[in-house]
């Protein structure tokens, strides 16, 4: 039989069935990883790492979701450290400077160790063409969490101030 009669290109490279590679099917809706990292400048790496956790789950990457959960837990611990440094420091200006420096350093470490990874993964797999989730709900939740964090920090500060008096 003539190969050209069957429609097969005789000059095409050989094709092999590969079963261990995930199908390049349609992506589940996710939040834009670059935007999540950018919003982390305002809301802390806790915000970005939590959204990345949910994104990794939607992408079916359970090990990477577990890694993002670890970053989320560490981010929450860092938020507690900032409050405690401010509450127990003798010099409020020094405590503020230390908290800001540590916060920026932690943000950079998170971004280069984990935050950037998801953006690269999505770009390589789908480019800019993937279904996206809306930002309304996460931003409203983040604002509420920010207000709650601020109120808790103030209450802890007042309680420590009263205990010292």
C-alpha atoms as a PDB file:
ATOM      1  CA  UNK A   1       0.000   0.000   0.000  1.00  0.00           C
ATOM      2  CA  UNK A   2       1.210   3.466  -0.865  1.00  0.00           C
ATOM      3  CA  UNK A   3       1.818   5.588   2.334  1.00  0.00           C
ATOM      4  CA  UNK A   4       0.607   8.734   0.598  1.00  0.00           C
ATOM      5  CA  UNK A   5      -2.678   6.992  -0.225  1.00  0.00           C
ATOM      6  CA  UNK A   6      -3.367   6.467   3.510  1.00  0.00           C
ATOM      7  CA  UNK A   7      -2.858  10.152   4.248  1.00  0.00           C
ATOM      8  CA  UNK A   8       0.232   9.586   6.408  1.00  0.00           C
ATOM      9  CA  UNK A   9       3.210  11.833   5.770  1.00  0.00           C
ATOM     10  CA  UNK A  10       6.170   9.569   4.995  1.00  0.00           C
ATOM     11  CA  UNK A  11       8.558  12.360   6.060  1.00  0.00           C
ATOM     12  CA  UNK A  12       6.950  13.036   9.457  1.00  0.00           C
ATOM     13  CA  UNK A  13       8.975  12.166  12.554  1.00  0.00           C
ATOM     14  CA  UNK A  14       8.003   8.943  14.301  1.00  0.00           C
ATOM     15  CA  UNK A  15       5.280   9.191  16.914  1.00  0.00           C
ATOM     16  CA  UNK A  16       5.187   7.268  20.157  1.00  0.00           C
ATOM     17  CA  UNK A  17       2.391   6.851  22.666  1.00  0.00           C
ATOM     18  CA  UNK A  18       3.524   8.252  25.999  1.00  0.00           C
ATOM     19  CA  UNK A  19       1.335   7.275  28.911  1.00  0.00           C
ATOM     20  CA  UNK A  20       3.114   9.032  31.780  1.00  0.00           C
ATOM     21  CA  UNK A  21       2.621  12.568  30.455  1.00  0.00           C
ATOM     22  CA  UNK A  22      -0.515  14.348  31.595  1.00  0.00           C
ATOM     23  CA  UNK A  23      -2.967  15.284  28.904  1.00  0.00           C
ATOM     24  CA  UNK A  24      -2.818  18.894  27.814  1.00  0.00           C
ATOM     25  CA  UNK A  25      -6.566  19.222  28.154  1.00  0.00           C
ATOM     26  CA  UNK A  26      -8.510  22.218  29.267  1.00  0.00           C
ATOM     27  CA  UNK A  27      -7.355  23.857  32.459  1.00  0.00           C
ATOM     28  CA  UNK A  28      -9.556  24.298  35.510  1.00  0.00           C
ATOM     29  CA  UNK A  29     -10.285  27.934  36.355  1.00  0.00           C
ATOM     30  CA  UNK A  30      -7.521  29.415  38.517  1.00  0.00           C
ATOM     31  CA  UNK A  31      -6.502  32.796  39.845  1.00  0.00           C
ATOM     32  CA  UNK A  32      -3.772  34.488  37.858  1.00  0.00           C
ATOM     33  CA  UNK A  33      -0.562  33.483  39.702  1.00  0.00           C
ATOM     34  CA  UNK A  34       1.198  36.745  38.817  1.00  0.00           C
ATOM     35  CA  UNK A  35      -1.705  38.768  40.169  1.00  0.00           C
ATOM     36  CA  UNK A  36      -1.795  36.637  43.341  1.00  0.00           C
ATOM     37  CA  UNK A  37       1.886  37.378  43.896  1.00  0.00           C
ATOM     38  CA  UNK A  38       1.296  41.072  43.240  1.00  0.00           C
ATOM     39  CA  UNK A  39      -1.618  41.218  45.691  1.00  0.00           C
ATOM     40  CA  UNK A  40       0.731  39.645  48.240  1.00  0.00           C
ATOM     41  CA  UNK A  41       2.588  42.963  48.355  1.00  0.00           C
ATOM     42  CA  UNK A  42      -0.487  44.417  50.024  1.00  0.00           C
ATOM     43  CA  UNK A  43      -1.992  41.411  51.812  1.00  0.00           C
ATOM     44  CA  UNK A  44       1.189  39.423  52.676  1.00  0.00           C
ATOM     45  CA  UNK A  45       2.484  36.131  51.297  1.00  0.00           C
ATOM     46  CA  UNK A  46      -0.281  34.417  53.278  1.00  0.00           C
ATOM     47  CA  UNK A  47      -2.739  35.686  50.656  1.00  0.00           C
ATOM     48  CA  UNK A  48      -0.660  34.568  47.678  1.00  0.00           C
ATOM     49  CA  UNK A  49       0.322  31.218  49.125  1.00  0.00           C
ATOM     50  CA  UNK A  50      -3.301  30.386  49.988  1.00  0.00           C
ATOM     51  CA  UNK A  51      -4.498  31.218  46.483  1.00  0.00           C
ATOM     52  CA  UNK A  52      -1.616  29.218  45.050  1.00  0.00           C
ATOM     53  CA  UNK A  53      -2.630  26.312  47.270  1.00  0.00           C
ATOM     54  CA  UNK A  54      -6.114  26.415  45.742  1.00  0.00           C
ATOM     55  CA  UNK A  55      -4.674  26.837  42.243  1.00  0.00           C
ATOM     56  CA  UNK A  56      -2.368  23.815  42.635  1.00  0.00           C
ATOM     57  CA  UNK A  57      -5.349  21.751  43.774  1.00  0.00           C
ATOM     58  CA  UNK A  58      -7.340  22.852  40.721  1.00  0.00           C
ATOM     59  CA  UNK A  59      -4.379  21.933  38.516  1.00  0.00           C
ATOM     60  CA  UNK A  60      -4.198  18.476  40.094  1.00  0.00           C
ATOM     61  CA  UNK A  61      -0.739  19.042  41.605  1.00  0.00           C
ATOM     62  CA  UNK A  62      -1.176  17.677  45.138  1.00  0.00           C
ATOM     63  CA  UNK A  63       2.533  17.775  46.098  1.00  0.00           C
ATOM     64  CA  UNK A  64       2.810  21.412  45.051  1.00  0.00           C
ATOM     65  CA  UNK A  65      -0.438  22.144  46.910  1.00  0.00           C
ATOM     66  CA  UNK A  66       1.136  20.645  50.038  1.00  0.00           C
ATOM     67  CA  UNK A  67       4.182  22.877  49.556  1.00  0.00           C
ATOM     68  CA  UNK A  68       1.916  25.926  49.208  1.00  0.00           C
ATOM     69  CA  UNK A  69       0.113  24.890  52.410  1.00  0.00           C
ATOM     70  CA  UNK A  70       3.477  24.921  54.182  1.00  0.00           C
ATOM     71  CA  UNK A  71       4.186  28.426  52.891  1.00  0.00           C
ATOM     72  CA  UNK A  72       0.715  29.511  54.031  1.00  0.00           C
ATOM     73  CA  UNK A  73       1.317  28.203  57.562  1.00  0.00           C
ATOM     74  CA  UNK A  74       4.734  29.859  57.747  1.00  0.00           C
ATOM     75  CA  UNK A  75       3.178  33.099  56.454  1.00  0.00           C
ATOM     76  CA  UNK A  76       0.580  33.032  59.221  1.00  0.00           C
ATOM     77  CA  UNK A  77       3.341  32.422  61.764  1.00  0.00           C
ATOM     78  CA  UNK A  78       5.238  35.417  60.384  1.00  0.00           C
ATOM     79  CA  UNK A  79       2.146  37.588  60.842  1.00  0.00           C
ATOM     80  CA  UNK A  80       2.104  36.524  64.494  1.00  0.00           C
ATOM     81  CA  UNK A  81       5.817  37.350  64.805  1.00  0.00           C
ATOM     82  CA  UNK A  82       5.202  40.887  63.512  1.00  0.00           C
ATOM     83  CA  UNK A  83       2.558  41.466  66.190  1.00  0.00           C
ATOM     84  CA  UNK A  84       4.736  40.024  68.947  1.00  0.00           C
ATOM     85  CA  UNK A  85       7.785  42.074  67.914  1.00  0.00           C
ATOM     86  CA  UNK A  86       5.675  45.216  68.023  1.00  0.00           C
ATOM     87  CA  UNK A  87       4.046  44.281  71.307  1.00  0.00           C
ATOM     88  CA  UNK A  88       7.182  43.382  73.255  1.00  0.00           C
ATOM     89  CA  UNK A  89       9.735  45.798  71.808  1.00  0.00           C
ATOM     90  CA  UNK A  90      10.861  48.638  74.029  1.00  0.00           C
ATOM     91  CA  UNK A  91      11.364  51.001  71.070  1.00  0.00           C
ATOM     92  CA  UNK A  92       8.303  51.213  68.811  1.00  0.00           C
ATOM     93  CA  UNK A  93      10.228  52.735  65.886  1.00  0.00           C
ATOM     94  CA  UNK A  94      12.869  50.019  66.013  1.00  0.00           C
ATOM     95  CA  UNK A  95      10.172  47.334  66.190  1.00  0.00           C
ATOM     96  CA  UNK A  96       8.424  48.865  63.184  1.00  0.00           C
ATOM     97  CA  UNK A  97      11.673  48.958  61.193  1.00  0.00           C
ATOM     98  CA  UNK A  98      12.504  45.358  62.114  1.00  0.00           C
ATOM     99  CA  UNK A  99       9.018  44.140  61.211  1.00  0.00           C
ATOM    100  CA  UNK A 100       9.114  45.926  57.855  1.00  0.00           C
ATOM    101  CA  UNK A 101      12.582  44.615  56.988  1.00  0.00           C
ATOM    102  CA  UNK A 102      11.707  41.052  57.972  1.00  0.00           C
ATOM    103  CA  UNK A 103       8.386  41.317  56.128  1.00  0.00           C
ATOM    104  CA  UNK A 104       9.994  42.475  52.884  1.00  0.00           C
ATOM    105  CA  UNK A 105      12.697  39.812  53.181  1.00  0.00           C
ATOM    106  CA  UNK A 106      10.089  37.098  53.763  1.00  0.00           C
ATOM    107  CA  UNK A 107       8.015  38.332  50.802  1.00  0.00           C
ATOM    108  CA  UNK A 108      11.066  38.125  48.528  1.00  0.00           C
ATOM    109  CA  UNK A 109      12.015  34.672  49.800  1.00  0.00           C
ATOM    110  CA  UNK A 110       8.468  33.411  49.271  1.00  0.00           C
ATOM    111  CA  UNK A 111       8.218  34.922  45.801  1.00  0.00           C
ATOM    112  CA  UNK A 112      11.493  33.532  44.493  1.00  0.00           C
ATOM    113  CA  UNK A 113      11.150  30.154  46.257  1.00  0.00           C
ATOM    114  CA  UNK A 114       7.481  29.458  45.541  1.00  0.00           C
ATOM    115  CA  UNK A 115       5.390  32.329  44.172  1.00  0.00           C
ATOM    116  CA  UNK A 116       7.154  32.555  40.837  1.00  0.00           C
ATOM    117  CA  UNK A 117       7.010  28.799  40.264  1.00  0.00           C
ATOM    118  CA  UNK A 118       3.269  28.675  39.614  1.00  0.00           C
ATOM    119  CA  UNK A 119       3.367  31.571  37.162  1.00  0.00           C
ATOM    120  CA  UNK A 120       6.087  29.772  35.208  1.00  0.00           C
ATOM    121  CA  UNK A 121       4.152  26.483  35.296  1.00  0.00           C
ATOM    122  CA  UNK A 122       0.956  28.085  33.967  1.00  0.00           C
ATOM    123  CA  UNK A 123       2.803  30.092  31.314  1.00  0.00           C
ATOM    124  CA  UNK A 124       4.637  27.023  30.007  1.00  0.00           C
ATOM    125  CA  UNK A 125       1.526  24.883  29.980  1.00  0.00           C
ATOM    126  CA  UNK A 126      -1.162  27.272  28.688  1.00  0.00           C
ATOM    127  CA  UNK A 127       0.476  30.629  28.065  1.00  0.00           C
ATOM    128  CA  UNK A 128      -2.034  33.386  28.692  1.00  0.00           C
ATOM    129  CA  UNK A 129      -4.955  31.263  27.497  1.00  0.00           C
ATOM    130  CA  UNK A 130      -6.480  29.575  30.550  1.00  0.00           C
ATOM    131  CA  UNK A 131      -9.789  30.005  32.387  1.00  0.00           C
ATOM    132  CA  UNK A 132      -9.493  32.534  35.206  1.00  0.00           C
ATOM    133  CA  UNK A 133     -11.322  32.928  38.459  1.00  0.00           C
ATOM    134  CA  UNK A 134     -12.686  36.283  39.564  1.00  0.00           C
ATOM    135  CA  UNK A 135     -10.962  38.466  42.151  1.00  0.00           C
ATOM    136  CA  UNK A 136     -13.981  39.909  43.976  1.00  0.00           C
ATOM    137  CA  UNK A 137     -14.384  37.245  46.660  1.00  0.00           C
ATOM    138  CA  UNK A 138     -10.672  36.756  47.508  1.00  0.00           C
ATOM    139  CA  UNK A 139     -10.053  40.504  47.721  1.00  0.00           C
ATOM    140  CA  UNK A 140     -13.075  41.047  49.985  1.00  0.00           C
ATOM    141  CA  UNK A 141     -11.974  38.167  52.214  1.00  0.00           C
ATOM    142  CA  UNK A 142      -8.422  39.570  52.298  1.00  0.00           C
ATOM    143  CA  UNK A 143      -9.710  43.019  53.295  1.00  0.00           C
ATOM    144  CA  UNK A 144     -11.785  41.437  56.069  1.00  0.00           C
ATOM    145  CA  UNK A 145      -8.778  39.400  57.237  1.00  0.00           C
ATOM    146  CA  UNK A 146      -6.591  42.513  57.154  1.00  0.00           C
ATOM    147  CA  UNK A 147      -9.070  44.439  59.316  1.00  0.00           C
ATOM    148  CA  UNK A 148      -9.353  41.475  61.694  1.00  0.00           C
ATOM    149  CA  UNK A 149      -5.560  41.169  61.911  1.00  0.00           C
ATOM    150  CA  UNK A 150      -5.266  44.874  62.684  1.00  0.00           C
ATOM    151  CA  UNK A 151      -7.911  44.662  65.426  1.00  0.00           C
ATOM    152  CA  UNK A 152      -6.245  41.620  67.006  1.00  0.00           C
ATOM    153  CA  UNK A 153      -2.859  43.367  66.906  1.00  0.00           C
ATOM    154  CA  UNK A 154      -4.325  46.441  68.621  1.00  0.00           C
ATOM    155  CA  UNK A 155      -6.036  44.309  71.277  1.00  0.00           C
ATOM    156  CA  UNK A 156      -2.808  42.418  71.988  1.00  0.00           C
ATOM    157  CA  UNK A 157      -0.915  45.696  72.203  1.00  0.00           C
ATOM    158  CA  UNK A 158      -3.464  47.177  74.609  1.00  0.00           C
ATOM    159  CA  UNK A 159      -3.499  44.014  76.737  1.00  0.00           C
ATOM    160  CA  UNK A 160       0.291  43.984  77.001  1.00  0.00           C
ATOM    161  CA  UNK A 161       0.328  47.709  77.764  1.00  0.00           C
ATOM    162  CA  UNK A 162      -2.200  47.199  80.587  1.00  0.00           C
ATOM    163  CA  UNK A 163      -0.221  44.241  81.919  1.00  0.00           C
ATOM    164  CA  UNK A 164       2.949  46.349  82.071  1.00  0.00           C
ATOM    165  CA  UNK A 165       1.210  49.191  83.921  1.00  0.00           C
END
